[in-house]
Amino acid sequence: ASTYAMAWFRQAPGKEREFVSAVSRG
């Protein structure tokens, strides 16, 4: 997983998927 930046998104019913948080590779 260190090869990639990672992120969390969330999607509530009837809503668009939205960005929550992200972390760089290191």
mmCIF file of all heavy atoms, coordinates in Angstrom:
data_MODEL
# 
_entry.id   MODEL 
# 
loop_
_atom_site.group_PDB 
_atom_site.id 
_atom_site.type_symbol 
_atom_site.label_atom_id 
_atom_site.label_alt_id 
_atom_site.label_comp_id 
_atom_site.label_asym_id 
_atom_site.label_entity_id 
_atom_site.label_seq_id 
_atom_site.pdbx_PDB_ins_code 
_atom_site.Cartn_x 
_atom_site.Cartn_y 
_atom_site.Cartn_z 
_atom_site.occupancy 
_atom_site.B_iso_or_equiv 
_atom_site.pdbx_formal_charge 
_atom_site.auth_seq_id 
_atom_site.auth_comp_id 
_atom_site.auth_asym_id 
_atom_site.auth_atom_id 
_atom_site.pdbx_PDB_model_num 
ATOM 1   N N   . ALA A 1 1  ? 0.810   -1.211 0.000  1.00 0.00 ? 1  ALA A N   1 
ATOM 2   C CA  . ALA A 1 1  ? 0.000   0.000  0.000  1.00 0.00 ? 1  ALA A CA  1 
ATOM 3   C C   . ALA A 1 1  ? 0.845   1.264  0.000  1.00 0.00 ? 1  ALA A C   1 
ATOM 4   O O   . ALA A 1 1  ? 0.335   2.342  -0.317 1.00 0.00 ? 1  ALA A O   1 
ATOM 5   C CB  . ALA A 1 1  ? -0.938  -0.009 1.208  1.00 0.00 ? 1  ALA A CB  1 
ATOM 6   N N   . SER A 1 2  ? 2.115   1.164  0.334  1.00 0.00 ? 2  SER A N   1 
ATOM 7   C CA  . SER A 1 2  ? 2.988   2.330  0.339  1.00 0.00 ? 2  SER A CA  1 
ATOM 8   C C   . SER A 1 2  ? 3.193   2.914  -1.049 1.00 0.00 ? 2  SER A C   1 
ATOM 9   O O   . SER A 1 2  ? 3.663   4.037  -1.188 1.00 0.00 ? 2  SER A O   1 
ATOM 10  C CB  . SER A 1 2  ? 4.336   1.990  0.975  1.00 0.00 ? 2  SER A CB  1 
ATOM 11  O OG  . SER A 1 2  ? 5.025   1.009  0.213  1.00 0.00 ? 2  SER A OG  1 
ATOM 12  N N   . THR A 1 3  ? 2.846   2.162  -2.085 1.00 0.00 ? 3  THR A N   1 
ATOM 13  C CA  . THR A 1 3  ? 2.944   2.640  -3.455 1.00 0.00 ? 3  THR A CA  1 
ATOM 14  C C   . THR A 1 3  ? 1.908   3.716  -3.757 1.00 0.00 ? 3  THR A C   1 
ATOM 15  O O   . THR A 1 3  ? 2.078   4.513  -4.674 1.00 0.00 ? 3  THR A O   1 
ATOM 16  C CB  . THR A 1 3  ? 2.764   1.466  -4.433 1.00 0.00 ? 3  THR A CB  1 
ATOM 17  O OG1 . THR A 1 3  ? 3.731   0.455  -4.139 1.00 0.00 ? 3  THR A OG1 1 
ATOM 18  C CG2 . THR A 1 3  ? 2.952   1.916  -5.878 1.00 0.00 ? 3  THR A CG2 1 
ATOM 19  N N   . TYR A 1 4  ? 0.841   3.758  -2.964 1.00 0.00 ? 4  TYR A N   1 
ATOM 20  C CA  . TYR A 1 4  ? -0.307  4.584  -3.271 1.00 0.00 ? 4  TYR A CA  1 
ATOM 21  C C   . TYR A 1 4  ? -0.633  5.590  -2.185 1.00 0.00 ? 4  TYR A C   1 
ATOM 22  O O   . TYR A 1 4  ? -0.446  5.331  -0.996 1.00 0.00 ? 4  TYR A O   1 
ATOM 23  C CB  . TYR A 1 4  ? -1.530  3.694  -3.493 1.00 0.00 ? 4  TYR A CB  1 
ATOM 24  C CG  . TYR A 1 4  ? -1.348  2.668  -4.583 1.00 0.00 ? 4  TYR A CG  1 
ATOM 25  C CD1 . TYR A 1 4  ? -0.921  1.382  -4.282 1.00 0.00 ? 4  TYR A CD1 1 
ATOM 26  C CD2 . TYR A 1 4  ? -1.598  2.998  -5.901 1.00 0.00 ? 4  TYR A CD2 1 
ATOM 27  C CE1 . TYR A 1 4  ? -0.747  0.442  -5.291 1.00 0.00 ? 4  TYR A CE1 1 
ATOM 28  C CE2 . TYR A 1 4  ? -1.428  2.074  -6.911 1.00 0.00 ? 4  TYR A CE2 1 
ATOM 29  C CZ  . TYR A 1 4  ? -1.001  0.795  -6.597 1.00 0.00 ? 4  TYR A CZ  1 
ATOM 30  O OH  . TYR A 1 4  ? -0.833  -0.129 -7.601 1.00 0.00 ? 4  TYR A OH  1 
ATOM 31  N N   . ALA A 1 5  ? -1.142  6.718  -2.641 1.00 0.00 ? 5  ALA A N   1 
ATOM 32  C CA  . ALA A 1 5  ? -1.858  7.594  -1.739 1.00 0.00 ? 5  ALA A CA  1 
ATOM 33  C C   . ALA A 1 5  ? -3.213  6.950  -1.452 1.00 0.00 ? 5  ALA A C   1 
ATOM 34  O O   . ALA A 1 5  ? -3.777  6.266  -2.306 1.00 0.00 ? 5  ALA A O   1 
ATOM 35  C CB  . ALA A 1 5  ? -2.056  8.971  -2.362 1.00 0.00 ? 5  ALA A CB  1 
ATOM 36  N N   . MET A 1 6  ? -3.717  7.154  -0.261 1.00 0.00 ? 6  MET A N   1 
ATOM 37  C CA  . MET A 1 6  ? -4.962  6.524  0.142  1.00 0.00 ? 6  MET A CA  1 
ATOM 38  C C   . MET A 1 6  ? -5.952  7.583  0.607  1.00 0.00 ? 6  MET A C   1 
ATOM 39  O O   . MET A 1 6  ? -5.565  8.636  1.113  1.00 0.00 ? 6  MET A O   1 
ATOM 40  C CB  . MET A 1 6  ? -4.724  5.518  1.270  1.00 0.00 ? 6  MET A CB  1 
ATOM 41  C CG  . MET A 1 6  ? -3.688  4.450  0.949  1.00 0.00 ? 6  MET A CG  1 
ATOM 42  S SD  . MET A 1 6  ? -4.258  3.272  -0.307 1.00 0.00 ? 6  MET A SD  1 
ATOM 43  C CE  . MET A 1 6  ? -5.525  2.404  0.611  1.00 0.00 ? 6  MET A CE  1 
ATOM 44  N N   . ALA A 1 7  ? -7.219  7.273  0.448  1.00 0.00 ? 7  ALA A N   1 
ATOM 45  C CA  . ALA A 1 7  ? -8.242  8.234  0.823  1.00 0.00 ? 7  ALA A CA  1 
ATOM 46  C C   . ALA A 1 7  ? -9.503  7.534  1.291  1.00 0.00 ? 7  ALA A C   1 
ATOM 47  O O   . ALA A 1 7  ? -9.721  6.352  1.015  1.00 0.00 ? 7  ALA A O   1 
ATOM 48  C CB  . ALA A 1 7  ? -8.568  9.153  -0.353 1.00 0.00 ? 7  ALA A CB  1 
ATOM 49  N N   . TRP A 1 8  ? -10.308 8.286  2.002  1.00 0.00 ? 8  TRP A N   1 
ATOM 50  C CA  . TRP A 1 8  ? -11.645 7.856  2.392  1.00 0.00 ? 8  TRP A CA  1 
ATOM 51  C C   . TRP A 1 8  ? -12.666 8.795  1.776  1.00 0.00 ? 8  TRP A C   1 
ATOM 52  O O   . TRP A 1 8  ? -12.501 10.023 1.815  1.00 0.00 ? 8  TRP A O   1 
ATOM 53  C CB  . TRP A 1 8  ? -11.817 7.850  3.915  1.00 0.00 ? 8  TRP A CB  1 
ATOM 54  C CG  . TRP A 1 8  ? -11.067 6.761  4.611  1.00 0.00 ? 8  TRP A CG  1 
ATOM 55  C CD1 . TRP A 1 8  ? -9.840  6.848  5.191  1.00 0.00 ? 8  TRP A CD1 1 
ATOM 56  C CD2 . TRP A 1 8  ? -11.513 5.413  4.811  1.00 0.00 ? 8  TRP A CD2 1 
ATOM 57  N NE1 . TRP A 1 8  ? -9.485  5.640  5.738  1.00 0.00 ? 8  TRP A NE1 1 
ATOM 58  C CE2 . TRP A 1 8  ? -10.493 4.740  5.515  1.00 0.00 ? 8  TRP A CE2 1 
ATOM 59  C CE3 . TRP A 1 8  ? -12.667 4.713  4.458  1.00 0.00 ? 8  TRP A CE3 1 
ATOM 60  C CZ2 . TRP A 1 8  ? -10.592 3.395  5.883  1.00 0.00 ? 8  TRP A CZ2 1 
ATOM 61  C CZ3 . TRP A 1 8  ? -12.770 3.370  4.817  1.00 0.00 ? 8  TRP A CZ3 1 
ATOM 62  C CH2 . TRP A 1 8  ? -11.743 2.731  5.521  1.00 0.00 ? 8  TRP A CH2 1 
ATOM 63  N N   . PHE A 1 9  ? -13.702 8.206  1.219  1.00 0.00 ? 9  PHE A N   1 
ATOM 64  C CA  . PHE A 1 9  ? -14.858 8.935  0.712  1.00 0.00 ? 9  PHE A CA  1 
ATOM 65  C C   . PHE A 1 9  ? -16.097 8.392  1.396  1.00 0.00 ? 9  PHE A C   1 
ATOM 66  O O   . PHE A 1 9  ? -16.068 7.319  2.000  1.00 0.00 ? 9  PHE A O   1 
ATOM 67  C CB  . PHE A 1 9  ? -14.990 8.771  -0.802 1.00 0.00 ? 9  PHE A CB  1 
ATOM 68  C CG  . PHE A 1 9  ? -13.934 9.487  -1.590 1.00 0.00 ? 9  PHE A CG  1 
ATOM 69  C CD1 . PHE A 1 9  ? -12.656 8.974  -1.711 1.00 0.00 ? 9  PHE A CD1 1 
ATOM 70  C CD2 . PHE A 1 9  ? -14.223 10.684 -2.227 1.00 0.00 ? 9  PHE A CD2 1 
ATOM 71  C CE1 . PHE A 1 9  ? -11.682 9.628  -2.443 1.00 0.00 ? 9  PHE A CE1 1 
ATOM 72  C CE2 . PHE A 1 9  ? -13.261 11.358 -2.971 1.00 0.00 ? 9  PHE A CE2 1 
ATOM 73  C CZ  . PHE A 1 9  ? -11.992 10.828 -3.076 1.00 0.00 ? 9  PHE A CZ  1 
ATOM 74  N N   . ARG A 1 10 ? -17.178 9.111  1.291  1.00 0.00 ? 10 ARG A N   1 
ATOM 75  C CA  . ARG A 1 10 ? -18.435 8.611  1.828  1.00 0.00 ? 10 ARG A CA  1 
ATOM 76  C C   . ARG A 1 10 ? -19.585 9.030  0.932  1.00 0.00 ? 10 ARG A C   1 
ATOM 77  O O   . ARG A 1 10 ? -19.518 10.032 0.228  1.00 0.00 ? 10 ARG A O   1 
ATOM 78  C CB  . ARG A 1 10 ? -18.673 9.092  3.261  1.00 0.00 ? 10 ARG A CB  1 
ATOM 79  C CG  . ARG A 1 10 ? -18.891 10.590 3.414  1.00 0.00 ? 10 ARG A CG  1 
ATOM 80  C CD  . ARG A 1 10 ? -18.962 10.965 4.878  1.00 0.00 ? 10 ARG A CD  1 
ATOM 81  N NE  . ARG A 1 10 ? -19.221 12.384 5.077  1.00 0.00 ? 10 ARG A NE  1 
ATOM 82  C CZ  . ARG A 1 10 ? -19.217 12.983 6.258  1.00 0.00 ? 10 ARG A CZ  1 
ATOM 83  N NH1 . ARG A 1 10 ? -18.971 12.286 7.363  1.00 0.00 ? 10 ARG A NH1 1 
ATOM 84  N NH2 . ARG A 1 10 ? -19.470 14.290 6.349  1.00 0.00 ? 10 ARG A NH2 1 
ATOM 85  N N   . GLN A 1 11 ? -20.655 8.248  0.985  1.00 0.00 ? 11 GLN A N   1 
ATOM 86  C CA  . GLN A 1 11 ? -21.820 8.534  0.187  1.00 0.00 ? 11 GLN A CA  1 
ATOM 87  C C   . GLN A 1 11 ? -23.072 8.206  0.983  1.00 0.00 ? 11 GLN A C   1 
ATOM 88  O O   . GLN A 1 11 ? -23.282 7.063  1.384  1.00 0.00 ? 11 GLN A O   1 
ATOM 89  C CB  . GLN A 1 11 ? -21.801 7.740  -1.120 1.00 0.00 ? 11 GLN A CB  1 
ATOM 90  C CG  . GLN A 1 11 ? -22.910 8.115  -2.077 1.00 0.00 ? 11 GLN A CG  1 
ATOM 91  C CD  . GLN A 1 11 ? -22.690 7.544  -3.463 1.00 0.00 ? 11 GLN A CD  1 
ATOM 92  O OE1 . GLN A 1 11 ? -21.947 6.582  -3.638 1.00 0.00 ? 11 GLN A OE1 1 
ATOM 93  N NE2 . GLN A 1 11 ? -23.311 8.148  -4.454 1.00 0.00 ? 11 GLN A NE2 1 
ATOM 94  N N   . ALA A 1 12 ? -23.874 9.210  1.207  1.00 0.00 ? 12 ALA A N   1 
ATOM 95  C CA  . ALA A 1 12 ? -25.145 9.045  1.880  1.00 0.00 ? 12 ALA A CA  1 
ATOM 96  C C   . ALA A 1 12 ? -26.248 8.852  0.845  1.00 0.00 ? 12 ALA A C   1 
ATOM 97  O O   . ALA A 1 12 ? -26.102 9.266  -0.307 1.00 0.00 ? 12 ALA A O   1 
ATOM 98  C CB  . ALA A 1 12 ? -25.446 10.255 2.751  1.00 0.00 ? 12 ALA A CB  1 
ATOM 99  N N   . PRO A 1 13 ? -27.364 8.234  1.223  1.00 0.00 ? 13 PRO A N   1 
ATOM 100 C CA  . PRO A 1 13 ? -28.458 8.030  0.273  1.00 0.00 ? 13 PRO A CA  1 
ATOM 101 C C   . PRO A 1 13 ? -28.912 9.343  -0.360 1.00 0.00 ? 13 PRO A C   1 
ATOM 102 O O   . PRO A 1 13 ? -29.134 10.333 0.335  1.00 0.00 ? 13 PRO A O   1 
ATOM 103 C CB  . PRO A 1 13 ? -29.562 7.419  1.132  1.00 0.00 ? 13 PRO A CB  1 
ATOM 104 C CG  . PRO A 1 13 ? -28.832 6.738  2.241  1.00 0.00 ? 13 PRO A CG  1 
ATOM 105 C CD  . PRO A 1 13 ? -27.659 7.629  2.532  1.00 0.00 ? 13 PRO A CD  1 
ATOM 106 N N   . GLY A 1 14 ? -29.029 9.349  -1.686 1.00 0.00 ? 14 GLY A N   1 
ATOM 107 C CA  . GLY A 1 14 ? -29.482 10.525 -2.396 1.00 0.00 ? 14 GLY A CA  1 
ATOM 108 C C   . GLY A 1 14 ? -28.445 11.610 -2.572 1.00 0.00 ? 14 GLY A C   1 
ATOM 109 O O   . GLY A 1 14 ? -28.765 12.678 -3.096 1.00 0.00 ? 14 GLY A O   1 
ATOM 110 N N   . LYS A 1 15 ? -27.219 11.357 -2.146 1.00 0.00 ? 15 LYS A N   1 
ATOM 111 C CA  . LYS A 1 15 ? -26.168 12.355 -2.254 1.00 0.00 ? 15 LYS A CA  1 
ATOM 112 C C   . LYS A 1 15 ? -25.007 11.848 -3.090 1.00 0.00 ? 15 LYS A C   1 
ATOM 113 O O   . LYS A 1 15 ? -24.854 10.654 -3.297 1.00 0.00 ? 15 LYS A O   1 
ATOM 114 C CB  . LYS A 1 15 ? -25.672 12.764 -0.869 1.00 0.00 ? 15 LYS A CB  1 
ATOM 115 C CG  . LYS A 1 15 ? -26.706 13.454 0.005  1.00 0.00 ? 15 LYS A CG  1 
ATOM 116 C CD  . LYS A 1 15 ? -26.098 13.904 1.318  1.00 0.00 ? 15 LYS A CD  1 
ATOM 117 C CE  . LYS A 1 15 ? -27.110 14.638 2.171  1.00 0.00 ? 15 LYS A CE  1 
ATOM 118 N NZ  . LYS A 1 15 ? -26.510 15.098 3.454  1.00 0.00 ? 15 LYS A NZ  1 
ATOM 119 N N   . GLU A 1 16 ? -24.199 12.775 -3.565 1.00 0.00 ? 16 GLU A N   1 
ATOM 120 C CA  . GLU A 1 16 ? -22.999 12.426 -4.313 1.00 0.00 ? 16 GLU A CA  1 
ATOM 121 C C   . GLU A 1 16 ? -21.926 11.904 -3.370 1.00 0.00 ? 16 GLU A C   1 
ATOM 122 O O   . GLU A 1 16 ? -21.896 12.240 -2.181 1.00 0.00 ? 16 GLU A O   1 
ATOM 123 C CB  . GLU A 1 16 ? -22.471 13.647 -5.063 1.00 0.00 ? 16 GLU A CB  1 
ATOM 124 C CG  . GLU A 1 16 ? -23.413 14.200 -6.120 1.00 0.00 ? 16 GLU A CG  1 
ATOM 125 C CD  . GLU A 1 16 ? -23.562 13.261 -7.290 1.00 0.00 ? 16 GLU A CD  1 
ATOM 126 O OE1 . GLU A 1 16 ? -22.564 12.632 -7.694 1.00 0.00 ? 16 GLU A OE1 1 
ATOM 127 O OE2 . GLU A 1 16 ? -24.678 13.147 -7.811 1.00 0.00 ? 16 GLU A OE2 1 
ATOM 128 N N   . ARG A 1 17 ? -21.054 11.076 -3.920 1.00 0.00 ? 17 ARG A N   1 
ATOM 129 C CA  . ARG A 1 17 ? -19.920 10.625 -3.139 1.00 0.00 ? 17 ARG A CA  1 
ATOM 130 C C   . ARG A 1 17 ? -19.017 11.821 -2.847 1.00 0.00 ? 17 ARG A C   1 
ATOM 131 O O   . ARG A 1 17 ? -18.686 12.593 -3.742 1.00 0.00 ? 17 ARG A O   1 
ATOM 132 C CB  . ARG A 1 17 ? -19.151 9.540  -3.898 1.00 0.00 ? 17 ARG A CB  1 
ATOM 133 C CG  . ARG A 1 17 ? -18.045 8.892  -3.090 1.00 0.00 ? 17 ARG A CG  1 
ATOM 134 C CD  . ARG A 1 17 ? -17.485 7.664  -3.798 1.00 0.00 ? 17 ARG A CD  1 
ATOM 135 N NE  . ARG A 1 17 ? -18.509 6.656  -4.007 1.00 0.00 ? 17 ARG A NE  1 
ATOM 136 C CZ  . ARG A 1 17 ? -18.273 5.434  -4.484 1.00 0.00 ? 17 ARG A CZ  1 
ATOM 137 N NH1 . ARG A 1 17 ? -17.040 5.078  -4.798 1.00 0.00 ? 17 ARG A NH1 1 
ATOM 138 N NH2 . ARG A 1 17 ? -19.269 4.588  -4.653 1.00 0.00 ? 17 ARG A NH2 1 
ATOM 139 N N   . GLU A 1 18 ? -18.611 11.973 -1.600 1.00 0.00 ? 18 GLU A N   1 
ATOM 140 C CA  . GLU A 1 18 ? -17.832 13.129 -1.217 1.00 0.00 ? 18 GLU A CA  1 
ATOM 141 C C   . GLU A 1 18 ? -16.513 12.733 -0.563 1.00 0.00 ? 18 GLU A C   1 
ATOM 142 O O   . GLU A 1 18 ? -16.400 11.710 0.105  1.00 0.00 ? 18 GLU A O   1 
ATOM 143 C CB  . GLU A 1 18 ? -18.628 14.030 -0.268 1.00 0.00 ? 18 GLU A CB  1 
ATOM 144 C CG  . GLU A 1 18 ? -18.930 13.416 1.080  1.00 0.00 ? 18 GLU A CG  1 
ATOM 145 C CD  . GLU A 1 18 ? -19.608 14.381 2.046  1.00 0.00 ? 18 GLU A CD  1 
ATOM 146 O OE1 . GLU A 1 18 ? -19.599 15.602 1.776  1.00 0.00 ? 18 GLU A OE1 1 
ATOM 147 O OE2 . GLU A 1 18 ? -20.140 13.911 3.068  1.00 0.00 ? 18 GLU A OE2 1 
ATOM 148 N N   . PHE A 1 19 ? -15.543 13.585 -0.761 1.00 0.00 ? 19 PHE A N   1 
ATOM 149 C CA  . PHE A 1 19 ? -14.231 13.392 -0.168 1.00 0.00 ? 19 PHE A CA  1 
ATOM 150 C C   . PHE A 1 19 ? -14.290 13.579 1.335  1.00 0.00 ? 19 PHE A C   1 
ATOM 151 O O   . PHE A 1 19 ? -14.931 14.505 1.838  1.00 0.00 ? 19 PHE A O   1 
ATOM 152 C CB  . PHE A 1 19 ? -13.243 14.385 -0.782 1.00 0.00 ? 19 PHE A CB  1 
ATOM 153 C CG  . PHE A 1 19 ? -11.920 14.440 -0.089 1.00 0.00 ? 19 PHE A CG  1 
ATOM 154 C CD1 . PHE A 1 19 ? -10.966 13.463 -0.300 1.00 0.00 ? 19 PHE A CD1 1 
ATOM 155 C CD2 . PHE A 1 19 ? -11.615 15.481 0.781  1.00 0.00 ? 19 PHE A CD2 1 
ATOM 156 C CE1 . PHE A 1 19 ? -9.740  13.504 0.333  1.00 0.00 ? 19 PHE A CE1 1 
ATOM 157 C CE2 . PHE A 1 19 ? -10.393 15.540 1.419  1.00 0.00 ? 19 PHE A CE2 1 
ATOM 158 C CZ  . PHE A 1 19 ? -9.451  14.543 1.195  1.00 0.00 ? 19 PHE A CZ  1 
ATOM 159 N N   . VAL A 1 20 ? -13.602 12.709 2.063  1.00 0.00 ? 20 VAL A N   1 
ATOM 160 C CA  . VAL A 1 20 ? -13.525 12.812 3.513  1.00 0.00 ? 20 VAL A CA  1 
ATOM 161 C C   . VAL A 1 20 ? -12.112 13.155 3.958  1.00 0.00 ? 20 VAL A C   1 
ATOM 162 O O   . VAL A 1 20 ? -11.883 14.161 4.622  1.00 0.00 ? 20 VAL A O   1 
ATOM 163 C CB  . VAL A 1 20 ? -13.991 11.512 4.197  1.00 0.00 ? 20 VAL A CB  1 
ATOM 164 C CG1 . VAL A 1 20 ? -13.789 11.603 5.708  1.00 0.00 ? 20 VAL A CG1 1 
ATOM 165 C CG2 . VAL A 1 20 ? -15.446 11.223 3.870  1.00 0.00 ? 20 VAL A CG2 1 
ATOM 166 N N   . SER A 1 21 ? -11.160 12.307 3.580  1.00 0.00 ? 21 SER A N   1 
ATOM 167 C CA  . SER A 1 21 ? -9.792  12.511 4.031  1.00 0.00 ? 21 SER A CA  1 
ATOM 168 C C   . SER A 1 21 ? -8.836  11.712 3.165  1.00 0.00 ? 21 SER A C   1 
ATOM 169 O O   . SER A 1 21 ? -9.215  10.703 2.582  1.00 0.00 ? 21 SER A O   1 
ATOM 170 C CB  . SER A 1 21 ? -9.646  12.095 5.505  1.00 0.00 ? 21 SER A CB  1 
ATOM 171 O OG  . SER A 1 21 ? -8.422  12.532 6.051  1.00 0.00 ? 21 SER A OG  1 
ATOM 172 N N   . ALA A 1 22 ? -7.593  12.162 3.076  1.00 0.00 ? 22 ALA A N   1 
ATOM 173 C CA  . ALA A 1 22 ? -6.585  11.471 2.285  1.00 0.00 ? 22 ALA A CA  1 
ATOM 174 C C   . ALA A 1 22 ? -5.231  11.566 2.968  1.00 0.00 ? 22 ALA A C   1 
ATOM 175 O O   . ALA A 1 22 ? -4.968  12.493 3.733  1.00 0.00 ? 22 ALA A O   1 
ATOM 176 C CB  . ALA A 1 22 ? -6.498  12.057 0.878  1.00 0.00 ? 22 ALA A CB  1 
ATOM 177 N N   . VAL A 1 23 ? -4.376  10.608 2.658  1.00 0.00 ? 23 VAL A N   1 
ATOM 178 C CA  . VAL A 1 23 ? -3.024  10.579 3.198  1.00 0.00 ? 23 VAL A CA  1 
ATOM 179 C C   . VAL A 1 23 ? -2.054  10.232 2.080  1.00 0.00 ? 23 VAL A C   1 
ATOM 180 O O   . VAL A 1 23 ? -2.340  9.388  1.235  1.00 0.00 ? 23 VAL A O   1 
ATOM 181 C CB  . VAL A 1 23 ? -2.908  9.583  4.382  1.00 0.00 ? 23 VAL A CB  1 
ATOM 182 C CG1 . VAL A 1 23 ? -3.284  8.167  3.945  1.00 0.00 ? 23 VAL A CG1 1 
ATOM 183 C CG2 . VAL A 1 23 ? -1.518  9.612  4.995  1.00 0.00 ? 23 VAL A CG2 1 
ATOM 184 N N   . SER A 1 24 ? -0.896  10.896 2.070  1.00 0.00 ? 24 SER A N   1 
ATOM 185 C CA  . SER A 1 24 ? 0.107   10.657 1.054  1.00 0.00 ? 24 SER A CA  1 
ATOM 186 C C   . SER A 1 24 ? 0.746   9.288  1.230  1.00 0.00 ? 24 SER A C   1 
ATOM 187 O O   . SER A 1 24 ? 0.537   8.596  2.227  1.00 0.00 ? 24 SER A O   1 
ATOM 188 C CB  . SER A 1 24 ? 1.179   11.752 1.109  1.00 0.00 ? 24 SER A CB  1 
ATOM 189 O OG  . SER A 1 24 ? 1.855   11.728 2.359  1.00 0.00 ? 24 SER A OG  1 
ATOM 190 N N   . ARG A 1 25 ? 1.558   8.909  0.247  1.00 0.00 ? 25 ARG A N   1 
ATOM 191 C CA  . ARG A 1 25 ? 2.169   7.584  0.263  1.00 0.00 ? 25 ARG A CA  1 
ATOM 192 C C   . ARG A 1 25 ? 2.999   7.322  1.510  1.00 0.00 ? 25 ARG A C   1 
ATOM 193 O O   . ARG A 1 25 ? 2.949   6.229  2.084  1.00 0.00 ? 25 ARG A O   1 
ATOM 194 C CB  . ARG A 1 25 ? 3.033   7.383  -0.981 1.00 0.00 ? 25 ARG A CB  1 
ATOM 195 C CG  . ARG A 1 25 ? 2.250   7.285  -2.275 1.00 0.00 ? 25 ARG A CG  1 
ATOM 196 C CD  . ARG A 1 25 ? 3.174   6.954  -3.425 1.00 0.00 ? 25 ARG A CD  1 
ATOM 197 N NE  . ARG A 1 25 ? 4.147   8.017  -3.649 1.00 0.00 ? 25 ARG A NE  1 
ATOM 198 C CZ  . ARG A 1 25 ? 5.223   7.886  -4.414 1.00 0.00 ? 25 ARG A CZ  1 
ATOM 199 N NH1 . ARG A 1 25 ? 5.473   6.739  -5.028 1.00 0.00 ? 25 ARG A NH1 1 
ATOM 200 N NH2 . ARG A 1 25 ? 6.055   8.904  -4.570 1.00 0.00 ? 25 ARG A NH2 1 
ATOM 201 N N   . GLY A 1 26 ? 3.755   8.306  1.921  1.00 0.00 ? 26 GLY A N   1 
ATOM 202 C CA  . GLY A 1 26 ? 4.603   8.148  3.090  1.00 0.00 ? 26 GLY A CA  1 
ATOM 203 C C   . GLY A 1 26 ? 3.906   8.423  4.406  1.00 0.00 ? 26 GLY A C   1 
ATOM 204 O O   . GLY A 1 26 ? 4.488   8.192  5.470  1.00 0.00 ? 26 GLY A O   1 
# 
